[in-house]
Amino acid sequence: MDIDISTPALLFPAVSLLFLSYTNRFLALSALIRKLHTDWIQSPQHCSDHLLAQIANLRKRLILIRWMQVSGALSLFLCVCSMGVMLFQLQSLGAVMFGIALVLMAVSLVALVREAYISGGALNILLDATGQPKDSC
């Protein structure tokens, strides 16, 4: 299989859209964390199991978003390096770098799926806090 300089460039459009999505997720999560922190400062006596579960959930999501961003950025960086070494006719090294970039992009996407799953768990924690059984209504 031949990989030329245009092959790593295929990831560029996807990466920009992914980073926009990752940034939006991070901003929404940071706003929620700031709100919880403000609520905690104003009335620390309202510490409940549900609030502690939300905080644990937010910590997991924050770690996953960090993995998404770092692995996505490294993937893009290796794509650029791959294209650079291919300019100097080092196709085999460029192909290896591109392969690693694909693996890093896959790591980023797996973290995205996991974070989306955990964010649904955050909503279940909130629903549980209302005291209503999940299957009633």
N, C-alpha and C. Protein backbone atom coordinates (compact mmCIF):
# COMPACT_ATOMS: atom_id res chain seq x y z
N MET A 1 0.84 -1.17 0.00
CA MET A 1 0.00 0.00 0.00
C MET A 1 0.89 1.24 0.00
N ASP A 2 0.61 2.13 -0.92
CA ASP A 2 1.37 3.37 -1.01
C ASP A 2 0.64 4.48 -0.28
N ILE A 3 1.39 5.16 0.56
CA ILE A 3 0.86 6.33 1.26
C ILE A 3 1.67 7.52 0.79
N ASP A 4 0.98 8.49 0.19
CA ASP A 4 1.69 9.70 -0.23
C ASP A 4 1.34 10.85 0.71
N ILE A 5 1.82 12.01 0.40
CA ILE A 5 1.67 13.16 1.29
C ILE A 5 0.22 13.58 1.48
N SER A 6 -0.66 13.24 0.54
CA SER A 6 -2.06 13.65 0.66
C SER A 6 -2.85 12.76 1.62
N THR A 7 -2.36 11.55 1.91
CA THR A 7 -3.10 10.64 2.77
C THR A 7 -3.25 11.18 4.20
N PRO A 8 -2.17 11.63 4.86
CA PRO A 8 -2.37 12.19 6.21
C PRO A 8 -3.24 13.44 6.23
N ALA A 9 -3.28 14.15 5.13
CA ALA A 9 -4.10 15.36 5.06
C ALA A 9 -5.59 15.05 5.15
N LEU A 10 -5.96 13.79 4.96
CA LEU A 10 -7.36 13.40 5.04
C LEU A 10 -7.93 13.60 6.45
N LEU A 11 -7.10 13.57 7.47
CA LEU A 11 -7.59 13.73 8.84
C LEU A 11 -7.87 15.19 9.20
N PHE A 12 -7.33 16.14 8.47
CA PHE A 12 -7.46 17.54 8.85
C PHE A 12 -8.91 18.02 8.99
N PRO A 13 -9.81 17.75 8.04
CA PRO A 13 -11.19 18.24 8.23
C PRO A 13 -11.87 17.62 9.45
N ALA A 14 -11.63 16.34 9.69
CA ALA A 14 -12.25 15.66 10.83
C ALA A 14 -11.73 16.22 12.15
N VAL A 15 -10.44 16.51 12.21
CA VAL A 15 -9.84 16.97 13.45
C VAL A 15 -10.40 18.33 13.86
N SER A 16 -10.60 19.22 12.92
CA SER A 16 -11.12 20.55 13.29
C SER A 16 -12.53 20.44 13.85
N LEU A 17 -13.36 19.58 13.28
CA LEU A 17 -14.71 19.39 13.80
C LEU A 17 -14.69 18.72 15.16
N LEU A 18 -13.80 17.75 15.33
CA LEU A 18 -13.70 17.07 16.63
C LEU A 18 -13.25 18.03 17.72
N PHE A 19 -12.28 18.88 17.42
CA PHE A 19 -11.81 19.83 18.43
C PHE A 19 -12.90 20.83 18.80
N LEU A 20 -13.72 21.20 17.87
CA LEU A 20 -14.85 22.08 18.18
C LEU A 20 -15.81 21.37 19.13
N SER A 21 -16.09 20.12 18.85
CA SER A 21 -16.95 19.33 19.73
C SER A 21 -16.32 19.15 21.11
N TYR A 22 -15.03 18.84 21.15
CA TYR A 22 -14.35 18.63 22.42
C TYR A 22 -14.34 19.92 23.24
N THR A 23 -14.10 21.04 22.59
CA THR A 23 -14.06 22.32 23.29
C THR A 23 -15.43 22.66 23.85
N ASN A 24 -16.48 22.42 23.09
CA ASN A 24 -17.83 22.67 23.58
C ASN A 24 -18.15 21.81 24.79
N ARG A 25 -17.76 20.54 24.74
CA ARG A 25 -17.99 19.65 25.87
C ARG A 25 -17.23 20.15 27.10
N PHE A 26 -15.99 20.57 26.90
CA PHE A 26 -15.18 21.06 28.01
C PHE A 26 -15.78 22.33 28.60
N LEU A 27 -16.22 23.25 27.76
CA LEU A 27 -16.80 24.50 28.26
C LEU A 27 -18.09 24.24 29.04
N ALA A 28 -18.93 23.36 28.54
CA ALA A 28 -20.17 23.03 29.25
C ALA A 28 -19.86 22.38 30.60
N LEU A 29 -18.89 21.49 30.61
CA LEU A 29 -18.52 20.81 31.84
C LEU A 29 -17.90 21.78 32.84
N SER A 30 -17.05 22.68 32.38
CA SER A 30 -16.43 23.63 33.30
C SER A 30 -17.46 24.59 33.87
N ALA A 31 -18.46 24.99 33.08
CA ALA A 31 -19.52 25.85 33.60
C ALA A 31 -20.32 25.13 34.69
N LEU A 32 -20.59 23.85 34.47
CA LEU A 32 -21.31 23.07 35.46
C LEU A 32 -20.50 22.91 36.75
N ILE A 33 -19.21 22.67 36.61
CA ILE A 33 -18.34 22.54 37.78
C ILE A 33 -18.30 23.85 38.55
N ARG A 34 -18.20 24.96 37.85
CA ARG A 34 -18.18 26.27 38.53
C ARG A 34 -19.50 26.53 39.26
N LYS A 35 -20.61 26.14 38.65
CA LYS A 35 -21.91 26.31 39.31
C LYS A 35 -22.00 25.45 40.55
N LEU A 36 -21.59 24.20 40.47
CA LEU A 36 -21.61 23.33 41.65
C LEU A 36 -20.71 23.88 42.75
N HIS A 37 -19.56 24.42 42.36
CA HIS A 37 -18.65 24.99 43.34
C HIS A 37 -19.27 26.19 44.05
N THR A 38 -19.93 27.06 43.27
CA THR A 38 -20.60 28.22 43.86
C THR A 38 -21.71 27.77 44.80
N ASP A 39 -22.51 26.79 44.37
CA ASP A 39 -23.58 26.26 45.23
C ASP A 39 -23.00 25.68 46.52
N TRP A 40 -21.87 25.00 46.40
CA TRP A 40 -21.22 24.38 47.56
C TRP A 40 -20.74 25.45 48.54
N ILE A 41 -20.15 26.52 48.03
CA ILE A 41 -19.65 27.60 48.88
C ILE A 41 -20.81 28.29 49.60
N GLN A 42 -21.91 28.48 48.90
CA GLN A 42 -23.05 29.19 49.49
C GLN A 42 -23.79 28.36 50.54
N SER A 43 -23.85 27.04 50.34
CA SER A 43 -24.55 26.21 51.33
C SER A 43 -23.89 24.82 51.40
N PRO A 44 -22.76 24.72 52.12
CA PRO A 44 -22.06 23.44 52.21
C PRO A 44 -22.82 22.38 53.00
N GLN A 45 -23.84 22.78 53.77
CA GLN A 45 -24.58 21.80 54.56
C GLN A 45 -25.48 20.93 53.68
N HIS A 46 -25.65 21.30 52.41
CA HIS A 46 -26.50 20.52 51.52
C HIS A 46 -25.74 19.42 50.79
N CYS A 47 -24.64 18.99 51.37
CA CYS A 47 -23.87 17.91 50.77
C CYS A 47 -24.68 16.62 50.85
N SER A 48 -24.92 16.03 49.73
CA SER A 48 -25.70 14.79 49.70
C SER A 48 -24.94 13.74 48.90
N ASP A 49 -25.44 12.52 48.97
CA ASP A 49 -24.84 11.45 48.19
C ASP A 49 -24.95 11.74 46.70
N HIS A 50 -26.06 12.38 46.31
CA HIS A 50 -26.25 12.70 44.89
C HIS A 50 -25.23 13.73 44.42
N LEU A 51 -24.96 14.72 45.26
CA LEU A 51 -23.98 15.74 44.90
C LEU A 51 -22.58 15.11 44.79
N LEU A 52 -22.25 14.25 45.73
CA LEU A 52 -20.95 13.58 45.68
C LEU A 52 -20.84 12.68 44.46
N ALA A 53 -21.94 12.03 44.09
CA ALA A 53 -21.94 11.19 42.89
C ALA A 53 -21.76 12.05 41.64
N GLN A 54 -22.39 13.23 41.62
CA GLN A 54 -22.22 14.15 40.48
C GLN A 54 -20.77 14.60 40.37
N ILE A 55 -20.17 14.92 41.51
CA ILE A 55 -18.77 15.37 41.49
C ILE A 55 -17.86 14.27 40.97
N ALA A 56 -18.08 13.04 41.42
CA ALA A 56 -17.27 11.91 40.93
C ALA A 56 -17.47 11.73 39.42
N ASN A 57 -18.71 11.87 38.97
CA ASN A 57 -19.01 11.75 37.55
C ASN A 57 -18.30 12.84 36.76
N LEU A 58 -18.31 14.06 37.27
CA LEU A 58 -17.67 15.18 36.59
C LEU A 58 -16.15 14.99 36.51
N ARG A 59 -15.56 14.44 37.57
CA ARG A 59 -14.12 14.17 37.56
C ARG A 59 -13.75 13.17 36.45
N LYS A 60 -14.54 12.11 36.33
CA LYS A 60 -14.30 11.11 35.28
C LYS A 60 -14.42 11.74 33.89
N ARG A 61 -15.46 12.55 33.72
CA ARG A 61 -15.67 13.18 32.42
C ARG A 61 -14.56 14.15 32.08
N LEU A 62 -14.08 14.90 33.08
CA LEU A 62 -13.00 15.85 32.85
C LEU A 62 -11.72 15.13 32.42
N ILE A 63 -11.43 14.02 33.04
CA ILE A 63 -10.25 13.22 32.66
C ILE A 63 -10.40 12.70 31.24
N LEU A 64 -11.58 12.22 30.90
CA LEU A 64 -11.80 11.71 29.54
C LEU A 64 -11.69 12.81 28.49
N ILE A 65 -12.22 13.99 28.80
CA ILE A 65 -12.12 15.09 27.84
C ILE A 65 -10.66 15.48 27.65
N ARG A 66 -9.89 15.44 28.73
CA ARG A 66 -8.46 15.73 28.61
C ARG A 66 -7.79 14.71 27.69
N TRP A 67 -8.12 13.43 27.86
CA TRP A 67 -7.57 12.38 26.98
C TRP A 67 -8.00 12.61 25.53
N MET A 68 -9.26 12.99 25.33
CA MET A 68 -9.76 13.25 23.98
C MET A 68 -8.94 14.36 23.33
N GLN A 69 -8.73 15.44 24.06
CA GLN A 69 -8.03 16.59 23.50
C GLN A 69 -6.56 16.28 23.25
N VAL A 70 -5.90 15.65 24.20
CA VAL A 70 -4.47 15.37 24.06
C VAL A 70 -4.22 14.36 22.94
N SER A 71 -4.98 13.28 22.92
CA SER A 71 -4.74 12.29 21.87
C SER A 71 -5.12 12.83 20.50
N GLY A 72 -6.16 13.66 20.42
CA GLY A 72 -6.51 14.29 19.15
C GLY A 72 -5.43 15.26 18.68
N ALA A 73 -4.88 16.04 19.60
CA ALA A 73 -3.82 16.99 19.25
C ALA A 73 -2.55 16.25 18.82
N LEU A 74 -2.21 15.19 19.53
CA LEU A 74 -1.03 14.41 19.13
C LEU A 74 -1.24 13.74 17.78
N SER A 75 -2.46 13.32 17.52
CA SER A 75 -2.77 12.74 16.22
C SER A 75 -2.55 13.75 15.10
N LEU A 76 -3.06 14.95 15.31
CA LEU A 76 -2.86 16.00 14.31
C LEU A 76 -1.38 16.33 14.15
N PHE A 77 -0.67 16.42 15.26
CA PHE A 77 0.76 16.72 15.21
C PHE A 77 1.52 15.65 14.42
N LEU A 78 1.19 14.37 14.67
CA LEU A 78 1.87 13.31 13.93
C LEU A 78 1.49 13.30 12.45
N CYS A 79 0.27 13.73 12.13
CA CYS A 79 -0.10 13.87 10.71
C CYS A 79 0.77 14.92 10.04
N VAL A 80 0.97 16.04 10.73
CA VAL A 80 1.82 17.10 10.18
C VAL A 80 3.25 16.60 10.03
N CYS A 81 3.76 15.91 11.06
CA CYS A 81 5.12 15.36 10.98
C CYS A 81 5.23 14.32 9.87
N SER A 82 4.20 13.53 9.72
CA SER A 82 4.18 12.52 8.66
C SER A 82 4.28 13.17 7.29
N MET A 83 3.51 14.22 7.09
CA MET A 83 3.58 14.93 5.80
C MET A 83 4.95 15.57 5.63
N GLY A 84 5.53 16.07 6.72
CA GLY A 84 6.85 16.69 6.64
C GLY A 84 7.93 15.72 6.24
N VAL A 85 7.93 14.54 6.85
CA VAL A 85 8.98 13.57 6.49
C VAL A 85 8.76 13.02 5.09
N MET A 86 7.50 12.98 4.65
CA MET A 86 7.23 12.53 3.28
C MET A 86 7.74 13.53 2.26
N LEU A 87 7.79 14.79 2.63
CA LEU A 87 8.37 15.80 1.74
C LEU A 87 9.85 15.50 1.47
N PHE A 88 10.49 14.88 2.43
CA PHE A 88 11.91 14.52 2.29
C PHE A 88 12.09 13.08 1.81
N GLN A 89 11.05 12.55 1.18
CA GLN A 89 11.08 11.22 0.55
C GLN A 89 11.31 10.09 1.55
N LEU A 90 10.84 10.25 2.78
CA LEU A 90 10.94 9.20 3.79
C LEU A 90 9.56 8.58 4.00
N GLN A 91 9.08 7.91 2.93
CA GLN A 91 7.72 7.38 2.93
C GLN A 91 7.48 6.35 4.03
N SER A 92 8.43 5.50 4.30
CA SER A 92 8.20 4.46 5.31
C SER A 92 8.06 5.08 6.70
N LEU A 93 8.91 6.06 7.04
CA LEU A 93 8.78 6.74 8.32
C LEU A 93 7.47 7.51 8.38
N GLY A 94 7.11 8.15 7.29
CA GLY A 94 5.85 8.89 7.23
C GLY A 94 4.65 7.96 7.42
N ALA A 95 4.72 6.77 6.84
CA ALA A 95 3.62 5.81 6.98
C ALA A 95 3.50 5.34 8.42
N VAL A 96 4.63 5.13 9.09
CA VAL A 96 4.60 4.71 10.49
C VAL A 96 4.00 5.83 11.35
N MET A 97 4.43 7.05 11.11
CA MET A 97 3.89 8.18 11.87
C MET A 97 2.39 8.34 11.63
N PHE A 98 1.97 8.14 10.40
CA PHE A 98 0.55 8.25 10.10
C PHE A 98 -0.23 7.13 10.78
N GLY A 99 0.34 5.94 10.83
CA GLY A 99 -0.31 4.82 11.53
C GLY A 99 -0.50 5.12 13.01
N ILE A 100 0.53 5.69 13.62
CA ILE A 100 0.42 6.07 15.03
C ILE A 100 -0.63 7.17 15.20
N ALA A 101 -0.68 8.11 14.25
CA ALA A 101 -1.69 9.17 14.30
C ALA A 101 -3.10 8.58 14.24
N LEU A 102 -3.29 7.55 13.43
CA LEU A 102 -4.60 6.90 13.34
C LEU A 102 -4.97 6.23 14.66
N VAL A 103 -4.00 5.59 15.28
CA VAL A 103 -4.25 4.95 16.59
C VAL A 103 -4.63 6.01 17.62
N LEU A 104 -3.91 7.13 17.64
CA LEU A 104 -4.23 8.20 18.58
C LEU A 104 -5.61 8.78 18.32
N MET A 105 -6.00 8.89 17.06
CA MET A 105 -7.34 9.38 16.75
C MET A 105 -8.39 8.38 17.24
N ALA A 106 -8.09 7.08 17.10
CA ALA A 106 -9.01 6.06 17.61
C ALA A 106 -9.14 6.17 19.13
N VAL A 107 -8.03 6.41 19.83
CA VAL A 107 -8.07 6.60 21.29
C VAL A 107 -8.96 7.79 21.63
N SER A 108 -8.81 8.86 20.89
CA SER A 108 -9.62 10.05 21.11
C SER A 108 -11.11 9.75 20.92
N LEU A 109 -11.44 9.00 19.91
CA LEU A 109 -12.84 8.67 19.64
C LEU A 109 -13.42 7.72 20.68
N VAL A 110 -12.61 6.77 21.14
CA VAL A 110 -13.07 5.86 22.20
C VAL A 110 -13.35 6.66 23.48
N ALA A 111 -12.46 7.60 23.80
CA ALA A 111 -12.69 8.45 24.98
C ALA A 111 -13.96 9.28 24.81
N LEU A 112 -14.23 9.73 23.59
CA LEU A 112 -15.45 10.49 23.31
C LEU A 112 -16.69 9.65 23.59
N VAL A 113 -16.69 8.41 23.11
CA VAL A 113 -17.84 7.53 23.32
C VAL A 113 -18.03 7.24 24.81
N ARG A 114 -16.93 7.00 25.50
CA ARG A 114 -17.00 6.72 26.94
C ARG A 114 -17.53 7.95 27.70
N GLU A 115 -17.05 9.13 27.35
CA GLU A 115 -17.51 10.36 28.01
C GLU A 115 -18.99 10.60 27.75
N ALA A 116 -19.44 10.33 26.55
CA ALA A 116 -20.86 10.50 26.23
C ALA A 116 -21.71 9.53 27.06
N TYR A 117 -21.23 8.32 27.25
CA TYR A 117 -21.93 7.34 28.07
C TYR A 117 -22.00 7.81 29.52
N ILE A 118 -20.89 8.31 30.04
CA ILE A 118 -20.85 8.77 31.43
C ILE A 118 -21.72 10.01 31.62
N SER A 119 -21.80 10.88 30.61
CA SER A 119 -22.64 12.07 30.75
C SER A 119 -24.12 11.67 30.88
N GLY A 120 -24.51 10.59 30.26
CA GLY A 120 -25.86 10.06 30.47
C GLY A 120 -26.05 9.60 31.90
N GLY A 121 -25.00 9.05 32.49
CA GLY A 121 -25.05 8.64 33.89
C GLY A 121 -25.26 9.84 34.81
N ALA A 122 -24.72 10.99 34.43
CA ALA A 122 -24.91 12.20 35.23
C ALA A 122 -26.38 12.59 35.27
N LEU A 123 -27.06 12.41 34.16
CA LEU A 123 -28.49 12.72 34.13
C LEU A 123 -29.28 11.75 34.99
N ASN A 124 -28.87 10.49 35.02
CA ASN A 124 -29.54 9.52 35.89
C ASN A 124 -29.35 9.87 37.36
N ILE A 125 -28.17 10.37 37.72
CA ILE A 125 -27.93 10.80 39.10
C ILE A 125 -28.87 11.94 39.45
N LEU A 126 -29.03 12.87 38.53
CA LEU A 126 -29.93 14.00 38.76
C LEU A 126 -31.38 13.52 38.89
N LEU A 127 -31.78 12.59 38.05
CA LEU A 127 -33.14 12.05 38.15
C LEU A 127 -33.35 11.31 39.46
N ASP A 128 -32.34 10.59 39.89
CA ASP A 128 -32.43 9.88 41.17
C ASP A 128 -32.57 10.85 42.33
N ALA A 129 -31.98 12.03 42.20
CA ALA A 129 -32.03 13.03 43.28
C ALA A 129 -33.43 13.58 43.47
N THR A 130 -34.28 13.45 42.45
CA THR A 130 -35.65 13.96 42.59
C THR A 130 -36.49 13.07 43.46
N GLY A 131 -36.04 11.86 43.71
CA GLY A 131 -36.78 10.95 44.56
C GLY A 131 -37.82 10.14 43.81
N GLN A 132 -37.95 10.35 42.54
CA GLN A 132 -38.93 9.60 41.75
C GLN A 132 -38.28 8.32 41.24
N PRO A 133 -38.99 7.21 41.30
CA PRO A 133 -38.47 6.00 40.67
C PRO A 133 -38.34 6.19 39.17
N LYS A 134 -37.33 5.57 38.59
CA LYS A 134 -37.07 5.74 37.16
C LYS A 134 -38.21 5.23 36.28
N ASP A 135 -38.90 4.16 36.75
CA ASP A 135 -39.91 3.53 35.90
C ASP A 135 -41.33 4.02 36.18
N SER A 136 -41.49 4.99 37.08
CA SER A 136 -42.85 5.47 37.36
C SER A 136 -43.24 6.58 36.38
N CYS A 137 -44.49 6.89 36.31
CA CYS A 137 -45.13 7.93 35.51
C CYS A 137 -46.13 7.35 34.62
